[in-house]
Amino acid sequence: MKRGDTIIIAKISRLSRTPSDLIVIIGKCQNKSINFYTTKENYCFDNSIGSKVLLVWLRN
């Protein structure tokens, strides 16, 4: 994956088995400016403030 790419998956559970692994994967994507979307939950992880709030919510 390279800067500016987009990952689209059906469900967030398809990406990771544990929440901690999910946080690491999404964090790595954000560090590389890779956008991440889920179709079922309609989550969007990019560099917006909304996605950062969502990431904090997932940590809890």
PDB file of N, CA and C in Angstrom:
ATOM      1  N   MET A   1       0.843  -1.169   0.000  1.00  0.00           N
ATOM      2  CA  MET A   1       0.000   0.000   0.000  1.00  0.00           C
ATOM      3  C   MET A   1       0.897   1.243   0.000  1.00  0.00           C
ATOM      4  N   LYS A   2       0.385   2.282  -0.646  1.00  0.00           N
ATOM      5  CA  LYS A   2       1.151   3.528  -0.693  1.00  0.00           C
ATOM      6  C   LYS A   2       0.262   4.700  -0.308  1.00  0.00           C
ATOM      7  N   ARG A   3       0.883   5.820  -0.037  1.00  0.00           N
ATOM      8  CA  ARG A   3       0.211   7.049   0.388  1.00  0.00           C
ATOM      9  C   ARG A   3      -0.952   7.375  -0.548  1.00  0.00           C
ATOM     10  N   GLY A   4      -2.133   7.620   0.039  1.00  0.00           N
ATOM     11  CA  GLY A   4      -3.300   7.995  -0.742  1.00  0.00           C
ATOM     12  C   GLY A   4      -4.174   6.835  -1.185  1.00  0.00           C
ATOM     13  N   ASP A   5      -3.722   5.595  -0.970  1.00  0.00           N
ATOM     14  CA  ASP A   5      -4.543   4.434  -1.328  1.00  0.00           C
ATOM     15  C   ASP A   5      -5.749   4.331  -0.403  1.00  0.00           C
ATOM     16  N   THR A   6      -6.727   3.545  -0.815  1.00  0.00           N
ATOM     17  CA  THR A   6      -7.933   3.337  -0.026  1.00  0.00           C
ATOM     18  C   THR A   6      -8.183   1.847   0.125  1.00  0.00           C
ATOM     19  N   ILE A   7      -8.469   1.430   1.351  1.00  0.00           N
ATOM     20  CA  ILE A   7      -8.837   0.046   1.649  1.00  0.00           C
ATOM     21  C   ILE A   7     -10.336   0.043   1.922  1.00  0.00           C
ATOM     22  N   ILE A   8     -11.067  -0.843   1.250  1.00  0.00           N
ATOM     23  CA  ILE A   8     -12.507  -0.970   1.468  1.00  0.00           C
ATOM     24  C   ILE A   8     -12.786  -2.421   1.833  1.00  0.00           C
ATOM     25  N   ILE A   9     -13.437  -2.615   2.993  1.00  0.00           N
ATOM     26  CA  ILE A   9     -13.822  -3.963   3.413  1.00  0.00           C
ATOM     27  C   ILE A   9     -15.294  -3.959   3.803  1.00  0.00           C
ATOM     28  N   ALA A  10     -15.892  -5.126   3.815  1.00  0.00           N
ATOM     29  CA  ALA A  10     -17.321  -5.237   4.135  1.00  0.00           C
ATOM     30  C   ALA A  10     -17.580  -4.948   5.615  1.00  0.00           C
ATOM     31  N   LYS A  11     -16.867  -5.623   6.489  1.00  0.00           N
ATOM     32  CA  LYS A  11     -17.075  -5.471   7.933  1.00  0.00           C
ATOM     33  C   LYS A  11     -15.744  -5.258   8.621  1.00  0.00           C
ATOM     34  N   ILE A  12     -15.765  -4.463   9.652  1.00  0.00           N
ATOM     35  CA  ILE A  12     -14.532  -4.171  10.387  1.00  0.00           C
ATOM     36  C   ILE A  12     -13.965  -5.429  11.040  1.00  0.00           C
ATOM     37  N   SER A  13     -14.828  -6.398  11.346  1.00  0.00           N
ATOM     38  CA  SER A  13     -14.365  -7.644  11.967  1.00  0.00           C
ATOM     39  C   SER A  13     -13.537  -8.492  11.001  1.00  0.00           C
ATOM     40  N   ARG A  14     -13.592  -8.224   9.720  1.00  0.00           N
ATOM     41  CA  ARG A  14     -12.808  -8.953   8.726  1.00  0.00           C
ATOM     42  C   ARG A  14     -11.345  -8.529   8.733  1.00  0.00           C
ATOM     43  N   LEU A  15     -11.051  -7.405   9.342  1.00  0.00           N
ATOM     44  CA  LEU A  15      -9.689  -6.875   9.342  1.00  0.00           C
ATOM     45  C   LEU A  15      -8.863  -7.405  10.503  1.00  0.00           C
ATOM     46  N   SER A  16      -9.505  -7.654  11.637  1.00  0.00           N
ATOM     47  CA  SER A  16      -8.769  -8.009  12.850  1.00  0.00           C
ATOM     48  C   SER A  16      -9.630  -8.845  13.780  1.00  0.00           C
ATOM     49  N   ARG A  17      -8.993  -9.691  14.556  1.00  0.00           N
ATOM     50  CA  ARG A  17      -9.696 -10.508  15.545  1.00  0.00           C
ATOM     51  C   ARG A  17      -9.857  -9.794  16.888  1.00  0.00           C
ATOM     52  N   THR A  18      -8.919  -8.888  17.198  1.00  0.00           N
ATOM     53  CA  THR A  18      -8.969  -8.203  18.492  1.00  0.00           C
ATOM     54  C   THR A  18      -8.986  -6.690  18.291  1.00  0.00           C
ATOM     55  N   PRO A  19      -9.624  -5.968  19.210  1.00  0.00           N
ATOM     56  CA  PRO A  19      -9.648  -4.508  19.102  1.00  0.00           C
ATOM     57  C   PRO A  19      -8.250  -3.884  19.114  1.00  0.00           C
ATOM     58  N   SER A  20      -7.347  -4.448  19.896  1.00  0.00           N
ATOM     59  CA  SER A  20      -6.000  -3.873  19.958  1.00  0.00           C
ATOM     60  C   SER A  20      -5.276  -4.015  18.621  1.00  0.00           C
ATOM     61  N   ASP A  21      -5.443  -5.152  17.941  1.00  0.00           N
ATOM     62  CA  ASP A  21      -4.851  -5.316  16.611  1.00  0.00           C
ATOM     63  C   ASP A  21      -5.485  -4.348  15.615  1.00  0.00           C
ATOM     64  N   LEU A  22      -6.775  -4.141  15.742  1.00  0.00           N
ATOM     65  CA  LEU A  22      -7.484  -3.217  14.864  1.00  0.00           C
ATOM     66  C   LEU A  22      -6.943  -1.804  15.008  1.00  0.00           C
ATOM     67  N   ILE A  23      -6.710  -1.370  16.240  1.00  0.00           N
ATOM     68  CA  ILE A  23      -6.169  -0.035  16.500  1.00  0.00           C
ATOM     69  C   ILE A  23      -4.792   0.112  15.846  1.00  0.00           C
ATOM     70  N   VAL A  24      -3.963  -0.914  15.954  1.00  0.00           N
ATOM     71  CA  VAL A  24      -2.616  -0.872  15.366  1.00  0.00           C
ATOM     72  C   VAL A  24      -2.708  -0.776  13.843  1.00  0.00           C
ATOM     73  N   ILE A  25      -3.555  -1.591  13.235  1.00  0.00           N
ATOM     74  CA  ILE A  25      -3.688  -1.602  11.777  1.00  0.00           C
ATOM     75  C   ILE A  25      -4.192  -0.256  11.267  1.00  0.00           C
ATOM     76  N   ILE A  26      -5.229   0.272  11.890  1.00  0.00           N
ATOM     77  CA  ILE A  26      -5.786   1.555  11.462  1.00  0.00           C
ATOM     78  C   ILE A  26      -4.771   2.673  11.698  1.00  0.00           C
ATOM     79  N   GLY A  27      -4.040   2.609  12.810  1.00  0.00           N
ATOM     80  CA  GLY A  27      -3.003   3.601  13.083  1.00  0.00           C
ATOM     81  C   GLY A  27      -1.920   3.600  12.019  1.00  0.00           C
ATOM     82  N   LYS A  28      -1.502   2.414  11.583  1.00  0.00           N
ATOM     83  CA  LYS A  28      -0.492   2.320  10.525  1.00  0.00           C
ATOM     84  C   LYS A  28      -1.030   2.892   9.218  1.00  0.00           C
ATOM     85  N   CYS A  29      -2.294   2.626   8.936  1.00  0.00           N
ATOM     86  CA  CYS A  29      -2.906   3.185   7.725  1.00  0.00           C
ATOM     87  C   CYS A  29      -2.936   4.705   7.796  1.00  0.00           C
ATOM     88  N   GLN A  30      -3.318   5.247   8.937  1.00  0.00           N
ATOM     89  CA  GLN A  30      -3.378   6.700   9.078  1.00  0.00           C
ATOM     90  C   GLN A  30      -1.997   7.331   8.973  1.00  0.00           C
ATOM     91  N   ASN A  31      -0.979   6.686   9.519  1.00  0.00           N
ATOM     92  CA  ASN A  31       0.386   7.210   9.433  1.00  0.00           C
ATOM     93  C   ASN A  31       0.873   7.281   7.988  1.00  0.00           C
ATOM     94  N   LYS A  32       0.381   6.383   7.139  1.00  0.00           N
ATOM     95  CA  LYS A  32       0.769   6.363   5.734  1.00  0.00           C
ATOM     96  C   LYS A  32      -0.240   7.103   4.850  1.00  0.00           C
ATOM     97  N   SER A  33      -1.201   7.800   5.469  1.00  0.00           N
ATOM     98  CA  SER A  33      -2.261   8.506   4.740  1.00  0.00           C
ATOM     99  C   SER A  33      -3.053   7.572   3.835  1.00  0.00           C
ATOM    100  N   ILE A  34      -3.320   6.358   4.338  1.00  0.00           N
ATOM    101  CA  ILE A  34      -4.147   5.390   3.630  1.00  0.00           C
ATOM    102  C   ILE A  34      -5.543   5.458   4.237  1.00  0.00           C
ATOM    103  N   ASN A  35      -6.535   5.695   3.397  1.00  0.00           N
ATOM    104  CA  ASN A  35      -7.915   5.769   3.867  1.00  0.00           C
ATOM    105  C   ASN A  35      -8.489   4.371   4.006  1.00  0.00           C
ATOM    106  N   PHE A  36      -9.376   4.214   4.951  1.00  0.00           N
ATOM    107  CA  PHE A  36      -9.924   2.911   5.281  1.00  0.00           C
ATOM    108  C   PHE A  36     -11.428   3.053   5.463  1.00  0.00           C
ATOM    109  N   TYR A  37     -12.206   2.249   4.732  1.00  0.00           N
ATOM    110  CA  TYR A  37     -13.663   2.329   4.804  1.00  0.00           C
ATOM    111  C   TYR A  37     -14.274   0.950   5.033  1.00  0.00           C
ATOM    112  N   THR A  38     -15.379   0.914   5.771  1.00  0.00           N
ATOM    113  CA  THR A  38     -16.162  -0.310   5.900  1.00  0.00           C
ATOM    114  C   THR A  38     -17.536  -0.054   5.300  1.00  0.00           C
ATOM    115  N   THR A  39     -18.058  -1.036   4.588  1.00  0.00           N
ATOM    116  CA  THR A  39     -19.346  -0.842   3.925  1.00  0.00           C
ATOM    117  C   THR A  39     -20.527  -1.142   4.839  1.00  0.00           C
ATOM    118  N   LYS A  40     -20.427  -2.168   5.670  1.00  0.00           N
ATOM    119  CA  LYS A  40     -21.558  -2.533   6.524  1.00  0.00           C
ATOM    120  C   LYS A  40     -21.782  -1.514   7.646  1.00  0.00           C
ATOM    121  N   GLU A  41     -20.723  -1.171   8.380  1.00  0.00           N
ATOM    122  CA  GLU A  41     -20.863  -0.225   9.488  1.00  0.00           C
ATOM    123  C   GLU A  41     -20.784   1.230   9.031  1.00  0.00           C
ATOM    124  N   ASN A  42     -20.344   1.433   7.806  1.00  0.00           N
ATOM    125  CA  ASN A  42     -20.191   2.770   7.237  1.00  0.00           C
ATOM    126  C   ASN A  42     -19.177   3.614   8.025  1.00  0.00           C
ATOM    127  N   TYR A  43     -18.082   2.973   8.440  1.00  0.00           N
ATOM    128  CA  TYR A  43     -17.002   3.684   9.117  1.00  0.00           C
ATOM    129  C   TYR A  43     -16.024   4.212   8.082  1.00  0.00           C
ATOM    130  N   CYS A  44     -15.480   5.364   8.365  1.00  0.00           N
ATOM    131  CA  CYS A  44     -14.466   5.971   7.507  1.00  0.00           C
ATOM    132  C   CYS A  44     -13.297   6.385   8.396  1.00  0.00           C
ATOM    133  N   PHE A  45     -12.131   5.834   8.120  1.00  0.00           N
ATOM    134  CA  PHE A  45     -10.926   6.214   8.853  1.00  0.00           C
ATOM    135  C   PHE A  45      -9.981   6.900   7.876  1.00  0.00           C
ATOM    136  N   ASP A  46      -9.855   8.197   8.044  1.00  0.00           N
ATOM    137  CA  ASP A  46      -8.907   8.984   7.266  1.00  0.00           C
ATOM    138  C   ASP A  46      -8.253   9.950   8.250  1.00  0.00           C
ATOM    139  N   ASN A  47      -7.795  11.068   7.823  1.00  0.00           N
ATOM    140  CA  ASN A  47      -7.151  12.004   8.750  1.00  0.00           C
ATOM    141  C   ASN A  47      -8.106  13.064   9.283  1.00  0.00           C
ATOM    142  N   SER A  48      -9.405  12.832   9.141  1.00  0.00           N
ATOM    143  CA  SER A  48     -10.388  13.803   9.641  1.00  0.00           C
ATOM    144  C   SER A  48     -10.555  13.673  11.155  1.00  0.00           C
ATOM    145  N   ILE A  49     -11.092  14.710  11.762  1.00  0.00           N
ATOM    146  CA  ILE A  49     -11.312  14.688  13.207  1.00  0.00           C
ATOM    147  C   ILE A  49     -12.354  13.630  13.578  1.00  0.00           C
ATOM    148  N   GLY A  50     -13.333  13.430  12.716  1.00  0.00           N
ATOM    149  CA  GLY A  50     -14.359  12.421  12.974  1.00  0.00           C
ATOM    150  C   GLY A  50     -13.787  11.019  13.078  1.00  0.00           C
ATOM    151  N   SER A  51     -12.846  10.693  12.213  1.00  0.00           N
ATOM    152  CA  SER A  51     -12.254   9.357  12.271  1.00  0.00           C
ATOM    153  C   SER A  51     -11.363   9.202  13.499  1.00  0.00           C
ATOM    154  N   LYS A  52     -10.740  10.282  13.944  1.00  0.00           N
ATOM    155  CA  LYS A  52      -9.933  10.216  15.164  1.00  0.00           C
ATOM    156  C   LYS A  52     -10.808   9.995  16.391  1.00  0.00           C
ATOM    157  N   VAL A  53     -11.973  10.627  16.413  1.00  0.00           N
ATOM    158  CA  VAL A  53     -12.928  10.420  17.507  1.00  0.00           C
ATOM    159  C   VAL A  53     -13.425   8.977  17.490  1.00  0.00           C
ATOM    160  N   LEU A  54     -13.734   8.461  16.307  1.00  0.00           N
ATOM    161  CA  LEU A  54     -14.191   7.076  16.177  1.00  0.00           C
ATOM    162  C   LEU A  54     -13.124   6.100  16.662  1.00  0.00           C
ATOM    163  N   LEU A  55     -11.878   6.383  16.352  1.00  0.00           N
ATOM    164  CA  LEU A  55     -10.776   5.518  16.793  1.00  0.00           C
ATOM    165  C   LEU A  55     -10.653   5.521  18.316  1.00  0.00           C
ATOM    166  N   VAL A  56     -10.823   6.678  18.945  1.00  0.00           N
ATOM    167  CA  VAL A  56     -10.800   6.753  20.411  1.00  0.00           C
ATOM    168  C   VAL A  56     -11.967   5.954  20.986  1.00  0.00           C
ATOM    169  N   TRP A  57     -13.122   6.051  20.362  1.00  0.00           N
ATOM    170  CA  TRP A  57     -14.311   5.305  20.818  1.00  0.00           C
ATOM    171  C   TRP A  57     -14.058   3.797  20.731  1.00  0.00           C
ATOM    172  N   LEU A  58     -13.411   3.346  19.658  1.00  0.00           N
ATOM    173  CA  LEU A  58     -13.122   1.915  19.508  1.00  0.00           C
ATOM    174  C   LEU A  58     -12.126   1.416  20.546  1.00  0.00           C
ATOM    175  N   ARG A  59     -11.262   2.291  21.030  1.00  0.00           N
ATOM    176  CA  ARG A  59     -10.289   1.886  22.049  1.00  0.00           C
ATOM    177  C   ARG A  59     -10.955   1.557  23.385  1.00  0.00           C
ATOM    178  N   ASN A  60     -12.107   2.161  23.630  1.00  0.00           N
ATOM    179  CA  ASN A  60     -12.786   1.956  24.912  1.00  0.00           C
ATOM    180  C   ASN A  60     -13.692   0.811  24.813  1.00  0.00           C
TER     181      ASN A  60
END
